[in-house]
């Protein structure tokens, strides 16, 4: 953005949304203060997530049934690309674990260096505390992803990413569940666009821990990578 504190009108935030009514309102409100376009793809939520997100200022697209995070991202990316003024797409989690300042800094880096994509990494500094078991599993997932792609990352399964329009146009996600994160890296690697990682802090809150996400999601990642 050229003007300090101006609302970004050329970057679209894409948020896969599934049963996050407790936190999604604050997530959207914070993002909408800095970004004109925040798109939530409600992936068959059984709660009031969609209504709360819309009331907070998000554009809400609904999947009638739960199709998975990969499918939700693909829907959101395709929707954003319909707007000709969309220059960048930021993928952002709905559960409050990502931070606005990291997204803004990653966008600034992409613009300054003319990068095709910037990947957030919780492992480039020591701020994030994932726990020993989750860290081991995620590091294993990184190793598997790096075998499949010329893009060698330290954190392949971080949902905070910045994609240029050119990069996003090359995505055609088929893996609908957690393995989509590795699929994204593989597909983006084929574009040969310049890229970078950026250190981000992932906040493991009491809310996210109460949902049982840290270990279960990490195990799912490994199972899906091995099976598919």
Protein backbone atom coordinates (compact mmCIF):
# COMPACT_ATOMS: atom_id res chain seq x y z
CA UNK A 1 0.00 0.00 0.00
CA UNK A 2 1.23 3.47 -0.80
CA UNK A 3 -0.44 5.28 2.10
CA UNK A 4 0.22 4.46 5.73
CA UNK A 5 -2.79 2.74 7.35
CA UNK A 6 -4.75 2.80 4.07
CA UNK A 7 -7.08 -0.13 3.48
CA UNK A 8 -5.57 -2.61 1.04
CA UNK A 9 -7.88 -3.00 -1.97
CA UNK A 10 -5.65 -5.16 -4.17
CA UNK A 11 -5.14 -8.09 -1.78
CA UNK A 12 -7.85 -10.60 -0.98
CA UNK A 13 -7.90 -12.61 2.25
CA UNK A 14 -9.21 -16.15 1.78
CA UNK A 15 -10.31 -18.02 4.92
CA UNK A 16 -11.54 -21.64 4.98
CA UNK A 17 -14.23 -21.69 7.67
CA UNK A 18 -15.64 -24.67 9.55
CA UNK A 19 -17.34 -24.44 12.95
CA UNK A 20 -15.40 -21.44 14.28
CA UNK A 21 -18.27 -19.28 15.58
CA UNK A 22 -16.39 -18.52 18.81
CA UNK A 23 -13.50 -16.72 17.13
CA UNK A 24 -14.28 -15.93 13.49
CA UNK A 25 -15.98 -12.61 14.23
CA UNK A 26 -12.87 -11.09 15.80
CA UNK A 27 -10.62 -12.58 13.12
CA UNK A 28 -12.69 -10.98 10.35
CA UNK A 29 -13.07 -7.62 12.12
CA UNK A 30 -9.33 -7.27 12.60
CA UNK A 31 -8.61 -8.16 8.98
CA UNK A 32 -11.37 -5.91 7.59
CA UNK A 33 -9.77 -2.92 9.31
CA UNK A 34 -6.82 -3.32 6.93
CA UNK A 35 -8.19 -5.25 3.94
CA UNK A 36 -11.27 -4.40 1.90
CA UNK A 37 -11.85 -7.96 0.76
CA UNK A 38 -12.09 -10.82 3.24
CA UNK A 39 -13.68 -13.97 1.85
CA UNK A 40 -14.78 -16.80 4.14
CA UNK A 41 -15.67 -20.14 2.57
CA UNK A 42 -18.09 -21.74 5.00
CA UNK A 43 -17.39 -25.43 4.49
CA UNK A 44 -20.65 -26.91 5.74
CA UNK A 45 -20.46 -25.52 9.28
CA UNK A 46 -23.06 -26.80 11.75
CA UNK A 47 -22.89 -23.65 13.87
CA UNK A 48 -23.35 -19.91 13.24
CA UNK A 49 -19.90 -19.34 11.73
CA UNK A 50 -21.22 -18.09 8.39
CA UNK A 51 -23.64 -15.58 9.91
CA UNK A 52 -21.06 -14.22 12.35
CA UNK A 53 -18.43 -13.88 9.61
CA UNK A 54 -20.87 -12.02 7.37
CA UNK A 55 -21.93 -9.68 10.18
CA UNK A 56 -18.25 -8.92 10.83
CA UNK A 57 -17.84 -7.78 7.23
CA UNK A 58 -16.71 -10.84 5.30
CA UNK A 59 -17.96 -12.03 1.95
CA UNK A 60 -19.27 -15.53 2.69
CA UNK A 61 -19.42 -18.37 0.18
CA UNK A 62 -21.14 -21.54 1.39
CA UNK A 63 -20.40 -25.16 0.64
CA UNK A 64 -23.61 -27.14 1.32
CA UNK A 65 -21.56 -29.97 2.86
CA UNK A 66 -18.10 -30.25 4.36
CA UNK A 67 -15.67 -30.75 1.48
CA UNK A 68 -12.42 -30.11 3.32
CA UNK A 69 -9.93 -27.29 3.63
CA UNK A 70 -8.34 -27.85 0.25
CA UNK A 71 -11.67 -27.56 -1.53
CA UNK A 72 -12.55 -24.45 0.49
CA UNK A 73 -9.27 -22.79 -0.47
CA UNK A 74 -9.79 -23.59 -4.14
CA UNK A 75 -13.28 -22.08 -4.04
CA UNK A 76 -12.01 -18.93 -2.34
CA UNK A 77 -9.05 -18.50 -4.67
CA UNK A 78 -11.22 -18.90 -7.76
CA UNK A 79 -13.68 -16.35 -6.38
CA UNK A 80 -10.95 -13.79 -5.66
CA UNK A 81 -9.41 -14.21 -9.09
CA UNK A 82 -12.70 -13.17 -10.70
CA UNK A 83 -11.90 -9.64 -9.55
CA UNK A 84 -9.48 -8.14 -12.07
CA UNK A 85 -8.03 -5.80 -9.44
CA UNK A 86 -6.91 -8.72 -7.28
CA UNK A 87 -3.09 -8.71 -7.28
CA UNK A 88 -2.42 -10.90 -4.24
CA UNK A 89 -4.26 -13.57 -2.29
CA UNK A 90 -3.51 -14.25 1.37
CA UNK A 91 -4.65 -17.59 2.79
CA UNK A 92 -5.46 -17.21 6.47
CA UNK A 93 -6.77 -19.59 9.14
CA UNK A 94 -10.12 -19.00 10.86
CA UNK A 95 -9.15 -20.11 14.35
CA UNK A 96 -7.20 -17.07 15.52
CA UNK A 97 -3.77 -18.67 15.27
CA UNK A 98 -2.46 -16.31 12.58
CA UNK A 99 -1.63 -12.65 13.07
CA UNK A 100 -2.52 -9.66 10.93
CA UNK A 101 0.93 -8.10 11.20
CA UNK A 102 2.54 -11.23 9.74
CA UNK A 103 0.19 -11.14 6.75
CA UNK A 104 0.96 -7.47 6.16
CA UNK A 105 4.71 -8.01 6.42
CA UNK A 106 4.56 -10.95 4.03
CA UNK A 107 2.63 -8.85 1.51
CA UNK A 108 5.19 -6.07 1.81
CA UNK A 109 7.98 -8.56 1.14
CA UNK A 110 6.17 -9.98 -1.89
CA UNK A 111 5.66 -6.51 -3.35
CA UNK A 112 9.16 -5.27 -2.58
CA UNK A 113 10.94 -8.34 -3.99
CA UNK A 114 8.34 -9.07 -6.72
CA UNK A 115 7.84 -12.59 -5.40
CA UNK A 116 5.33 -15.11 -6.69
CA UNK A 117 4.69 -16.49 -3.22
CA UNK A 118 5.69 -16.02 0.39
CA UNK A 119 5.26 -18.89 2.84
CA UNK A 120 4.83 -18.30 6.55
CA UNK A 121 7.08 -20.45 8.75
CA UNK A 122 6.73 -21.04 12.48
CA UNK A 123 10.18 -22.65 12.52
CA UNK A 124 12.35 -19.72 11.40
CA UNK A 125 12.46 -18.31 14.92
CA UNK A 126 11.64 -19.46 18.44
CA UNK A 127 8.40 -17.56 19.12
CA UNK A 128 6.00 -20.40 18.29
CA UNK A 129 5.72 -23.21 20.84
CA UNK A 130 4.09 -26.16 19.05
CA UNK A 131 4.98 -28.83 21.59
CA UNK A 132 7.41 -31.67 21.05
CA UNK A 133 5.07 -34.22 19.44
CA UNK A 134 3.47 -31.77 17.03
CA UNK A 135 6.87 -30.35 16.08
CA UNK A 136 8.22 -33.80 15.22
CA UNK A 137 5.19 -34.68 13.11
CA UNK A 138 5.21 -31.34 11.27
CA UNK A 139 8.93 -31.62 10.63
CA UNK A 140 8.30 -35.07 9.15
CA UNK A 141 5.56 -33.63 6.95
CA UNK A 142 8.03 -30.96 5.78
CA UNK A 143 10.51 -33.66 4.86
CA UNK A 144 7.88 -35.52 2.81
CA UNK A 145 6.75 -32.31 1.07
CA UNK A 146 10.31 -31.33 0.24
CA UNK A 147 10.83 -34.68 -1.48
CA UNK A 148 8.00 -33.84 -3.88
CA UNK A 149 8.74 -30.20 -4.73
CA UNK A 150 11.67 -28.02 -5.81
CA UNK A 151 10.52 -25.54 -3.16
CA UNK A 152 12.30 -26.56 0.04
CA UNK A 153 10.48 -25.17 3.06
CA UNK A 154 10.91 -25.29 6.81
CA UNK A 155 7.13 -25.30 7.39
CA UNK A 156 5.11 -26.75 4.52
CA UNK A 157 1.82 -26.96 6.44
CA UNK A 158 1.43 -23.39 7.61
CA UNK A 159 -1.87 -21.97 6.37
CA UNK A 160 -0.56 -18.40 6.17
CA UNK A 161 0.63 -17.77 2.61
CA UNK A 162 0.80 -14.87 0.18
CA UNK A 163 0.24 -15.71 -3.48
CA UNK A 164 0.63 -13.38 -6.42
CA UNK A 165 -2.15 -13.48 -8.97
CA UNK A 166 0.10 -15.41 -11.36
CA UNK A 167 0.88 -18.01 -8.72
CA UNK A 168 -2.76 -18.40 -7.67
CA UNK A 169 -3.88 -18.90 -11.27
CA UNK A 170 -1.71 -22.02 -11.40
CA UNK A 171 -3.42 -23.75 -8.48
CA UNK A 172 -5.88 -26.56 -9.12
CA UNK A 173 -6.24 -28.34 -5.80
CA UNK A 174 -7.57 -31.89 -5.81
CA UNK A 175 -6.56 -32.94 -2.30
CA UNK A 176 -9.50 -31.72 -0.26
CA UNK A 177 -8.26 -32.59 3.22
CA UNK A 178 -5.04 -31.72 5.05
CA UNK A 179 -2.73 -33.08 2.34
CA UNK A 180 -3.71 -30.08 0.21
CA UNK A 181 -0.91 -28.10 1.88
CA UNK A 182 1.75 -30.28 0.28
CA UNK A 183 -0.16 -30.22 -3.01
CA UNK A 184 -0.03 -26.41 -2.96
CA UNK A 185 3.75 -26.47 -2.58
CA UNK A 186 4.14 -29.02 -5.38
CA UNK A 187 1.95 -27.05 -7.81
CA UNK A 188 3.59 -23.73 -6.97
CA UNK A 189 7.02 -25.29 -7.40
CA UNK A 190 6.18 -26.08 -11.01
CA UNK A 191 5.60 -22.38 -11.74
CA UNK A 192 9.29 -21.59 -11.08
CA UNK A 193 8.21 -18.22 -9.69
CA UNK A 194 10.50 -16.58 -7.12
CA UNK A 195 9.53 -17.29 -3.53
CA UNK A 196 10.57 -16.74 0.07
CA UNK A 197 9.74 -17.87 3.59
CA UNK A 198 8.90 -15.41 6.34
CA UNK A 199 9.06 -16.02 10.11
CA UNK A 200 5.60 -15.93 11.68
CA UNK A 201 4.23 -16.70 15.11
CA UNK A 202 1.43 -19.26 15.31
CA UNK A 203 -0.61 -18.75 18.47
CA UNK A 204 -1.67 -22.01 20.10
CA UNK A 205 -4.51 -20.69 22.22
CA UNK A 206 -6.59 -22.47 24.83
CA UNK A 207 -9.40 -22.40 22.27
CA UNK A 208 -7.41 -24.21 19.59
CA UNK A 209 -6.02 -26.68 22.10
CA UNK A 210 -9.52 -27.44 23.37
CA UNK A 211 -10.50 -28.51 19.86
CA UNK A 212 -7.81 -31.17 19.89
CA UNK A 213 -6.15 -29.78 16.77
CA UNK A 214 -2.43 -29.85 17.56
CA UNK A 215 -1.79 -33.60 17.43
CA UNK A 216 -4.82 -34.86 15.52
CA UNK A 217 -4.30 -32.55 12.55
CA UNK A 218 -0.61 -33.30 12.44
CA UNK A 219 -1.25 -37.05 12.39
CA UNK A 220 -3.88 -36.58 9.67
CA UNK A 221 -1.33 -34.76 7.55
CA UNK A 222 1.07 -37.69 7.68
CA UNK A 223 -1.61 -40.31 7.04
CA UNK A 224 -2.96 -38.46 3.99
CA UNK A 225 0.50 -37.87 2.56
CA UNK A 226 1.36 -41.54 2.87
CA UNK A 227 -1.98 -42.83 1.55
CA UNK A 228 -2.27 -40.37 -1.36
